[in-house]
C-alpha atoms as a PDB file:
ATOM      1  CA  MET A   1       0.000   0.000   0.000  1.00  0.00           C
ATOM      2  CA  ASN A   2       1.298   3.427  -0.890  1.00  0.00           C
ATOM      3  CA  HIS A   3       1.999   6.196   1.603  1.00  0.00           C
ATOM      4  CA  THR A   4      -0.855   8.633   0.888  1.00  0.00           C
ATOM      5  CA  LEU A   5      -3.495   5.915   0.832  1.00  0.00           C
ATOM      6  CA  ALA A   6      -2.115   4.444   4.073  1.00  0.00           C
ATOM      7  CA  LYS A   7      -2.265   7.891   5.733  1.00  0.00           C
ATOM      8  CA  GLY A   8      -5.812   8.370   4.427  1.00  0.00           C
ATOM      9  CA  ILE A   9      -6.923   5.035   5.851  1.00  0.00           C
ATOM     10  CA  GLU A  10      -5.254   5.913   9.154  1.00  0.00           C
ATOM     11  CA  ARG A  11      -7.105   9.244   9.268  1.00  0.00           C
ATOM     12  CA  LEU A  12     -10.485   7.706   8.478  1.00  0.00           C
ATOM     13  CA  SER A  13      -9.911   4.846  10.917  1.00  0.00           C
ATOM     14  CA  ALA A  14      -9.362   7.344  13.737  1.00  0.00           C
ATOM     15  CA  ILE A  15     -12.837   8.896  13.256  1.00  0.00           C
ATOM     16  CA  SER A  16     -15.481   7.613  15.641  1.00  0.00           C
ATOM     17  CA  PHE A  17     -18.408   7.708  13.234  1.00  0.00           C
ATOM     18  CA  GLN A  18     -20.731   6.005  15.721  1.00  0.00           C
ATOM     19  CA  SER A  19     -20.443   8.976  18.086  1.00  0.00           C
ATOM     20  CA  ASN A  20     -21.175  11.534  15.349  1.00  0.00           C
ATOM     21  CA  THR A  21     -24.543  13.217  15.777  1.00  0.00           C
ATOM     22  CA  LEU A  22     -26.879  15.340  13.711  1.00  0.00           C
ATOM     23  CA  SER A  23     -26.676  18.106  16.320  1.00  0.00           C
ATOM     24  CA  SER A  24     -24.236  20.730  15.220  1.00  0.00           C
ATOM     25  CA  GLN A  25     -21.594  23.100  16.425  1.00  0.00           C
ATOM     26  CA  LYS A  26     -21.033  26.481  14.765  1.00  0.00           C
ATOM     27  CA  SER A  27     -17.784  25.197  13.275  1.00  0.00           C
ATOM     28  CA  HIS A  28     -19.691  22.475  11.424  1.00  0.00           C
ATOM     29  CA  HIS A  29     -21.394  25.131   9.299  1.00  0.00           C
ATOM     30  CA  VAL A  30     -18.054  26.739   8.458  1.00  0.00           C
ATOM     31  CA  LEU A  31     -16.727  23.342   7.369  1.00  0.00           C
ATOM     32  CA  ILE A  32     -19.772  22.612   5.187  1.00  0.00           C
ATOM     33  CA  LYS A  33     -19.462  26.025   3.509  1.00  0.00           C
ATOM     34  CA  GLU A  34     -15.756  25.509   2.844  1.00  0.00           C
ATOM     35  CA  TYR A  35     -16.405  22.054   1.400  1.00  0.00           C
ATOM     36  CA  LEU A  36     -19.040  23.465  -0.971  1.00  0.00           C
ATOM     37  CA  ARG A  37     -16.660  26.259  -1.978  1.00  0.00           C
ATOM     38  CA  ARG A  38     -13.790  23.855  -2.697  1.00  0.00           C
ATOM     39  CA  VAL A  39     -15.994  21.492  -4.663  1.00  0.00           C
ATOM     40  CA  ASN A  40     -17.265  24.414  -6.759  1.00  0.00           C
ATOM     41  CA  VAL A  41     -13.704  25.553  -7.503  1.00  0.00           C
ATOM     42  CA  PHE A  42     -12.717  21.998  -8.473  1.00  0.00           C
ATOM     43  CA  LEU A  43     -15.746  21.438 -10.721  1.00  0.00           C
ATOM     44  CA  ASP A  44     -15.459  24.897 -12.313  1.00  0.00           C
ATOM     45  CA  LYS A  45     -11.828  24.257 -13.204  1.00  0.00           C
ATOM     46  CA  LEU A  46     -12.726  20.974 -14.872  1.00  0.00           C
ATOM     47  CA  ASN A  47     -15.922  22.437 -16.356  1.00  0.00           C
ATOM     48  CA  VAL A  48     -17.860  19.443 -15.036  1.00  0.00           C
ATOM     49  CA  PHE A  49     -21.430  19.356 -13.812  1.00  0.00           C
ATOM     50  CA  PRO A  50     -22.209  16.398 -11.565  1.00  0.00           C
ATOM     51  CA  ASP A  51     -25.667  15.314 -10.522  1.00  0.00           C
ATOM     52  CA  ARG A  52     -27.658  17.332  -8.019  1.00  0.00           C
ATOM     53  CA  TYR A  53     -25.509  16.859  -4.951  1.00  0.00           C
ATOM     54  CA  PRO A  54     -21.915  17.789  -4.021  1.00  0.00           C
ATOM     55  CA  LEU A  55     -21.195  14.084  -3.564  1.00  0.00           C
ATOM     56  CA  PHE A  56     -19.449  12.290  -6.384  1.00  0.00           C
ATOM     57  CA  SER A  57     -16.682   9.889  -7.251  1.00  0.00           C
ATOM     58  CA  PHE A  58     -13.529  11.972  -7.655  1.00  0.00           C
ATOM     59  CA  ALA A  59     -12.036   9.281  -9.874  1.00  0.00           C
ATOM     60  CA  LYS A  60     -15.047   9.202 -12.209  1.00  0.00           C
ATOM     61  CA  ILE A  61     -15.127  12.992 -12.489  1.00  0.00           C
ATOM     62  CA  ILE A  62     -11.527  13.024 -13.754  1.00  0.00           C
ATOM     63  CA  GLY A  63     -12.006   9.880 -15.865  1.00  0.00           C
ATOM     64  CA  ARG A  64      -9.934   7.431 -13.814  1.00  0.00           C
ATOM     65  CA  LYS A  65     -10.592   3.945 -12.538  1.00  0.00           C
ATOM     66  CA  ILE A  66      -9.790   2.809  -9.021  1.00  0.00           C
ATOM     67  CA  ASP A  67      -8.918  -0.717  -7.944  1.00  0.00           C
ATOM     68  CA  ALA A  68     -11.849  -2.149  -5.954  1.00  0.00           C
ATOM     69  CA  ASN A  69      -9.455  -3.027  -3.131  1.00  0.00           C
ATOM     70  CA  VAL A  70      -9.152   0.679  -2.312  1.00  0.00           C
ATOM     71  CA  TYR A  71     -12.823   0.700  -1.272  1.00  0.00           C
ATOM     72  CA  ARG A  72     -12.222  -2.275   1.018  1.00  0.00           C
ATOM     73  CA  ALA A  73      -9.025  -0.866   2.516  1.00  0.00           C
ATOM     74  CA  CYS A  74     -10.769   0.861   5.426  1.00  0.00           C
ATOM     75  CA  PRO A  75     -13.048  -1.698   7.132  1.00  0.00           C
ATOM     76  CA  GLU A  76     -14.415   0.965   9.516  1.00  0.00           C
ATOM     77  CA  LEU A  77     -16.394   2.380   6.602  1.00  0.00           C
ATOM     78  CA  ASP A  78     -18.330  -0.899   6.333  1.00  0.00           C
ATOM     79  CA  THR A  79     -20.093  -0.044   9.593  1.00  0.00           C
ATOM     80  CA  LEU A  80     -20.988   3.490   8.504  1.00  0.00           C
ATOM     81  CA  ASN A  81     -24.731   3.552   7.787  1.00  0.00           C
ATOM     82  CA  ASN A  82     -24.848   7.060   6.326  1.00  0.00           C
ATOM     83  CA  SER A  83     -24.379   6.533   2.584  1.00  0.00           C
ATOM     84  CA  TYR A  84     -23.647  10.229   1.974  1.00  0.00           C
ATOM     85  CA  MET A  85     -20.843  10.317   4.514  1.00  0.00           C
ATOM     86  CA  LYS A  86     -19.549   7.009   3.177  1.00  0.00           C
ATOM     87  CA  ALA A  87     -19.464   8.436  -0.366  1.00  0.00           C
ATOM     88  CA  ILE A  88     -17.287  11.332   0.802  1.00  0.00           C
ATOM     89  CA  CYS A  89     -14.912   8.952   2.573  1.00  0.00           C
ATOM     90  CA  TYR A  90     -14.608   6.713  -0.489  1.00  0.00           C
ATOM     91  CA  SER A  91     -13.920   9.730  -2.699  1.00  0.00           C
ATOM     92  CA  TYR A  92     -11.224  10.817  -0.257  1.00  0.00           C
ATOM     93  CA  LEU A  93      -9.627   7.359  -0.566  1.00  0.00           C
ATOM     94  CA  GLU A  94      -9.782   7.731  -4.360  1.00  0.00           C
ATOM     95  CA  VAL A  95      -7.868  11.010  -4.135  1.00  0.00           C
ATOM     96  CA  CYS A  96      -5.267   9.344  -1.898  1.00  0.00           C
ATOM     97  CA  GLU A  97      -4.823   6.436  -4.297  1.00  0.00           C
ATOM     98  CA  LEU A  98      -4.585   8.742  -7.312  1.00  0.00           C
ATOM     99  CA  ILE A  99      -1.977  10.898  -5.541  1.00  0.00           C
ATOM    100  CA  ASP A 100       0.076   7.744  -4.978  1.00  0.00           C
ATOM    101  CA  GLN A 101      -0.244   7.072  -8.720  1.00  0.00           C
ATOM    102  CA  GLY A 102       1.049  10.578  -9.456  1.00  0.00           C
ATOM    103  CA  VAL A 103      -2.177  11.902 -11.015  1.00  0.00           C
ATOM    104  CA  ASP A 104      -1.873  15.697 -11.260  1.00  0.00           C
ATOM    105  CA  ASP A 105      -5.566  16.479 -10.669  1.00  0.00           C
ATOM    106  CA  ALA A 106      -5.470  14.519  -7.422  1.00  0.00           C
ATOM    107  CA  ILE A 107      -2.212  16.130  -6.310  1.00  0.00           C
ATOM    108  CA  GLN A 108      -3.628  19.586  -7.050  1.00  0.00           C
ATOM    109  CA  TYR A 109      -6.789  18.870  -5.017  1.00  0.00           C
ATOM    110  CA  VAL A 110      -5.205  16.927  -2.158  1.00  0.00           C
ATOM    111  CA  ASP A 111      -7.176  19.008   0.364  1.00  0.00           C
ATOM    112  CA  LEU A 112     -10.561  18.920  -1.392  1.00  0.00           C
ATOM    113  CA  TYR A 113     -12.124  16.716   1.274  1.00  0.00           C
ATOM    114  CA  ASP A 114     -10.290  18.221   4.256  1.00  0.00           C
ATOM    115  CA  PRO A 115     -13.297  20.305   5.409  1.00  0.00           C
ATOM    116  CA  MET A 116     -15.519  17.224   5.515  1.00  0.00           C
ATOM    117  CA  LEU A 117     -12.886  15.108   7.232  1.00  0.00           C
ATOM    118  CA  LYS A 118     -12.527  17.793   9.903  1.00  0.00           C
ATOM    119  CA  PHE A 119     -16.325  17.897  10.116  1.00  0.00           C
ATOM    120  CA  PHE A 120     -16.398  14.147  10.803  1.00  0.00           C
ATOM    121  CA  GLU A 121     -13.439  14.361  13.192  1.00  0.00           C
ATOM    122  CA  ARG A 122     -15.290  17.055  15.163  1.00  0.00           C
ATOM    123  CA  GLY A 123     -18.325  14.784  15.560  1.00  0.00           C
ATOM    124  CA  GLY A 124     -20.373  16.121  12.653  1.00  0.00           C
ATOM    125  CA  SER A 125     -23.000  14.181  10.784  1.00  0.00           C
ATOM    126  CA  PHE A 126     -25.505  15.179   8.145  1.00  0.00           C
ATOM    127  CA  THR A 127     -28.186  13.714   5.994  1.00  0.00           C
ATOM    128  CA  ILE A 128     -29.887  14.742   2.790  1.00  0.00           C
ATOM    129  CA  ARG A 129     -33.642  15.038   2.847  1.00  0.00           C
ATOM    130  CA  LYS A 130     -35.952  16.528   0.235  1.00  0.00           C
ATOM    131  CA  GLY A 131     -33.065  18.073  -1.684  1.00  0.00           C
ATOM    132  CA  GLU A 132     -31.473  19.681   1.370  1.00  0.00           C
ATOM    133  CA  LEU A 133     -28.301  18.899   3.266  1.00  0.00           C
ATOM    134  CA  VAL A 134     -29.580  18.773   6.846  1.00  0.00           C
ATOM    135  CA  LEU A 135     -27.208  19.643   9.661  1.00  0.00           C
ATOM    136  CA  GLY A 136     -28.743  20.026  13.108  1.00  0.00           C
ATOM    137  CA  ASP A 137     -31.651  22.413  12.781  1.00  0.00           C
ATOM    138  CA  ALA A 138     -30.248  24.012   9.618  1.00  0.00           C
ATOM    139  CA  ALA A 139     -30.726  22.966   6.020  1.00  0.00           C
ATOM    140  CA  TYR A 140     -28.655  23.839   2.965  1.00  0.00           C
ATOM    141  CA  PRO A 141     -30.772  23.706  -0.218  1.00  0.00           C
ATOM    142  CA  LEU A 142     -28.892  21.683  -2.796  1.00  0.00           C
ATOM    143  CA  MET A 143     -30.963  22.865  -5.746  1.00  0.00           C
ATOM    144  CA  TYR A 144     -28.606  25.800  -6.324  1.00  0.00           C
ATOM    145  CA  TRP A 145     -25.386  24.932  -4.464  1.00  0.00           C
ATOM    146  CA  ARG A 146     -23.371  25.277  -7.685  1.00  0.00           C
ATOM    147  CA  THR A 147     -24.295  28.958  -7.976  1.00  0.00           C
ATOM    148  CA  LEU A 148     -23.288  29.939  -4.445  1.00  0.00           C
ATOM    149  CA  VAL A 149     -20.482  32.435  -4.044  1.00  0.00           C
ATOM    150  CA  ILE A 150     -18.809  31.418  -0.808  1.00  0.00           C
ATOM    151  CA  PRO A 151     -15.772  33.245   0.539  1.00  0.00           C
ATOM    152  CA  VAL A 152     -12.787  31.223   1.743  1.00  0.00           C
ATOM    153  CA  GLN A 153     -13.398  29.939   5.269  1.00  0.00           C
ATOM    154  CA  ASP A 154     -10.624  29.608   7.846  1.00  0.00           C
ATOM    155  CA  ILE A 155     -10.779  25.959   8.876  1.00  0.00           C
ATOM    156  CA  SER A 156      -7.674  25.869  11.027  1.00  0.00           C
ATOM    157  CA  ASP A 157      -8.264  24.062  14.314  1.00  0.00           C
ATOM    158  CA  ILE A 158      -7.563  27.270  16.223  1.00  0.00           C
ATOM    159  CA  SER A 159     -10.230  29.160  14.267  1.00  0.00           C
ATOM    160  CA  LEU A 160     -12.774  26.333  14.511  1.00  0.00           C
ATOM    161  CA  ASP A 161     -12.239  26.002  18.265  1.00  0.00           C
ATOM    162  CA  LEU A 162     -12.673  29.750  18.666  1.00  0.00           C
ATOM    163  CA  ILE A 163     -15.876  29.675  16.629  1.00  0.00           C
ATOM    164  CA  ASP A 164     -17.296  26.901  18.809  1.00  0.00           C
ATOM    165  CA  ARG A 165     -16.228  28.606  22.006  1.00  0.00           C
ATOM    166  CA  ASN A 166     -17.513  32.075  21.089  1.00  0.00           C
ATOM    167  CA  GLY A 167     -20.458  31.013  18.960  1.00  0.00           C
ATOM    168  CA  ALA A 168     -19.595  33.235  16.013  1.00  0.00           C
ATOM    169  CA  GLU A 169     -18.836  32.039  12.509  1.00  0.00           C
ATOM    170  CA  GLY A 170     -15.706  32.961  10.586  1.00  0.00           C
END
């Protein structure tokens, strides 16, 4: 197993998905916004328009195939019942594998999934219901997520901790 994929598996394996809840912290919203922003930048650069949601196979978007063993490399994901969260984790593993293969698009977007990984690491969980990404008592309509203009969010741990402590976003 290559280095980046091994580190990705290690990172995902350290997340306690069973303790993640749909209740949210202020920092969770910052992380969701930054994820949507990064995905928009990535898709705009490639001039690609995925289906309705900001959940997709990174490898498919850039026209690459991934060995099926990559999807089995992190057994912790087998117990994850949230298919949306699982899709993000699998796409992250795709990026890791493609970086190990030296694929430029993957290397350039190494941090694409970092906001969502931090979201999971900080106990976040979400679902999608009726075309909305639901996080706690907030909902992000996914009908027009591709047209959102979102400023860069500071997702450093220091900033996120401060946001949670003081209750103010970015």
